[in-house]
Structure formats: C-alpha cells, structure tokens
Protein backbone atom coordinates (compact mmCIF):
# COMPACT_ATOMS: atom_id res chain seq x y z
CA MET A 1 45.35 20.28 236.26
CA LEU A 2 47.57 17.56 234.85
CA ILE A 3 49.60 17.51 238.07
CA ASN A 4 46.39 17.09 240.07
CA MET A 5 45.24 14.18 237.94
CA LEU A 6 48.60 12.43 238.15
CA SER A 7 48.62 12.93 241.90
CA LEU A 8 45.10 11.54 242.23
CA VAL A 9 45.96 8.48 240.16
CA ALA A 10 49.24 7.81 242.00
CA MET A 11 47.70 8.18 245.46
CA THR A 12 44.68 6.06 244.55
CA ILE A 13 46.94 3.30 243.22
CA ALA A 14 49.09 3.50 246.37
CA PHE A 15 45.99 3.24 248.59
CA SER A 16 44.54 0.31 246.63
CA TYR A 17 47.82 -1.57 246.50
CA MET A 18 48.45 -1.15 250.21
CA MET A 19 44.95 -2.22 251.18
CA LEU A 20 45.04 -5.30 248.98
CA LYS A 21 48.60 -6.49 249.53
CA ALA A 22 49.41 -5.49 253.11
CA LYS A 23 49.54 -8.34 255.62
CA PHE A 24 49.55 -6.31 258.83
CA GLY A 25 47.02 -3.86 260.22
CA ARG A 26 49.46 -1.04 260.81
CA THR A 27 50.39 -1.02 257.11
CA ARG A 28 46.71 -0.94 256.20
CA ARG A 29 46.21 2.00 258.55
CA LEU A 30 49.09 3.76 256.84
CA ALA A 31 47.18 3.36 253.56
CA MET A 32 44.76 5.99 254.86
CA VAL A 33 47.41 8.69 254.31
CA PRO A 34 47.28 8.48 250.47
CA LEU A 35 43.49 8.29 250.71
CA ALA A 36 43.45 11.49 252.77
CA CYS A 37 45.68 13.11 250.14
CA VAL A 38 43.15 12.13 247.49
CA ALA A 39 40.32 13.65 249.53
CA VAL A 40 42.23 16.91 250.04
CA GLU A 41 43.24 17.01 246.39
CA LEU A 42 39.63 16.57 245.29
CA SER A 43 38.42 19.27 247.66
CA VAL A 44 40.91 21.90 246.44
CA THR A 45 40.98 21.01 242.73
CA GLY A 46 41.14 24.19 240.71
CA LEU A 47 41.85 26.47 243.68
CA LEU A 48 45.61 26.05 243.73
CA THR A 49 47.11 26.62 240.30
CA PRO A 50 50.85 26.23 239.72
CA SER A 51 51.08 29.64 238.05
CA LEU A 52 49.66 31.46 241.09
CA PHE A 53 51.64 29.59 243.76
CA PRO A 54 54.74 28.01 242.17
CA VAL A 55 56.69 27.51 245.41
CA LEU A 56 53.73 25.99 247.24
CA THR A 57 53.05 23.72 244.27
CA ALA A 58 56.66 22.53 244.28
CA VAL A 59 56.52 21.85 248.02
CA LEU A 60 53.27 19.91 247.64
CA ILE A 61 54.71 17.81 244.83
CA LEU A 62 57.75 17.08 246.98
CA LEU A 63 55.54 16.09 249.93
CA LYS A 64 53.46 13.79 247.75
CA GLY A 65 56.66 12.14 246.56
CA VAL A 66 57.76 11.64 250.15
CA ILE A 67 54.38 10.11 251.00
CA LEU A 68 54.64 7.68 248.09
CA ALA A 69 58.21 6.77 249.04
CA CYS A 70 57.15 6.10 252.63
CA CYS A 71 54.27 3.93 251.44
CA PHE A 72 56.65 1.97 249.22
CA SER A 73 59.10 1.41 252.06
CA ALA A 74 56.26 0.44 254.42
CA MET A 75 55.11 -2.21 251.95
CA ARG A 76 58.66 -3.58 251.69
CA ALA A 77 58.89 -3.72 255.49
CA ASP A 78 55.47 -5.40 255.66
CA ALA A 79 56.56 -8.09 253.21
CA ALA A 80 59.83 -8.64 255.10
CA MET A 81 57.99 -8.98 258.43
CA PHE A 82 55.57 -11.46 256.87
CA ARG A 83 58.44 -13.55 255.46
CA ARG A 84 60.21 -13.57 258.85
CA ARG A 85 57.00 -14.61 260.59
CA ALA A 86 56.41 -17.40 258.06
CA ARG A 87 59.99 -18.68 258.52
CA ARG A 88 59.65 -18.63 262.31
CA LEU A 89 56.35 -20.52 262.10
CA ALA A 90 57.84 -23.12 259.76
CA ALA A 91 60.83 -23.58 262.04
CA ARG A 92 58.55 -23.95 265.04
CA LYS A 93 56.46 -26.58 263.23
CA ALA A 94 59.57 -28.47 262.14
CA ALA A 95 60.93 -28.43 265.70
CA ALA A 96 57.62 -29.66 267.08
CA ALA A 97 57.47 -32.46 264.48
CA SER A 98 61.01 -33.60 265.23
CA GLU A 99 60.30 -33.54 268.96
CA LEU A 100 57.25 -35.73 268.45
CA ARG A 101 59.32 -38.15 266.37
CA ILE A 102 62.03 -38.32 269.04
CA ASN A 103 59.44 -38.85 271.78
CA ALA A 104 57.83 -41.63 269.75
CA LEU A 105 61.19 -43.36 269.27
CA VAL A 106 62.09 -43.08 272.94
CA THR A 107 58.71 -44.32 274.10
CA SER A 108 58.69 -47.27 271.70
CA GLY A 109 62.23 -48.21 272.75
CA CYS A 110 61.26 -48.35 276.45
CA CYS A 111 58.31 -50.64 275.90
CA ALA A 112 60.31 -53.25 273.98
C-alpha cells in the first residue's frame, strides 16, 4: 500500500510539473503517460499486493522509475529547446536591428 501511495504521489507530481512548466506541446502530451499510470494505479489498488506477486511488483516499480526518468529527461530537452529558440530569436532581432541601422546610415549618406 505504501508503494502504491508513493507511486501515486510521484506520478501526480510529474504530471503537474510537466503540464505547468513544459513549453512545447509534445512535452505536454508526454505528461499524459504519468497521468495514465495514476489512473491504472487507482483502478488496481489493493488487487496487486507485493507479497502475492513479488516479481511483478519489482518489474512495475522498475517501469515506473523508467517513466519518471524519461519525463525528467523530456523536461530537460524541452528547456534546452526553448533556450535555443530564444537565442535564435534574439539573434534574428539583433541582426534585423543592425540591418535597419546600416540601411538608415546608407540612405542618409546618399541624400547629403
């Protein structure tokens, strides 16, 4: 029962964090995986006890750990993609501003 509660809390926190902090839609869609784990966990609570199925319980714990690790790495990738996009946008704006400044200098020089 304690394992179920810890799993529910961890998956709910992973879902909430991904939905609130993710910048891209594909990362938000990936947040549905921990939510589905929560739904399955709630539907089978009490049916699968570690003493009856120790190997299956160990495999499920391992799979939940893999899911949480994948969610963590997806959030890191999401943040990295957002930083790259922000840098590209800033560079594009700086290039456009310098081009406007150069065009203004060239145009004012021709009229004089």
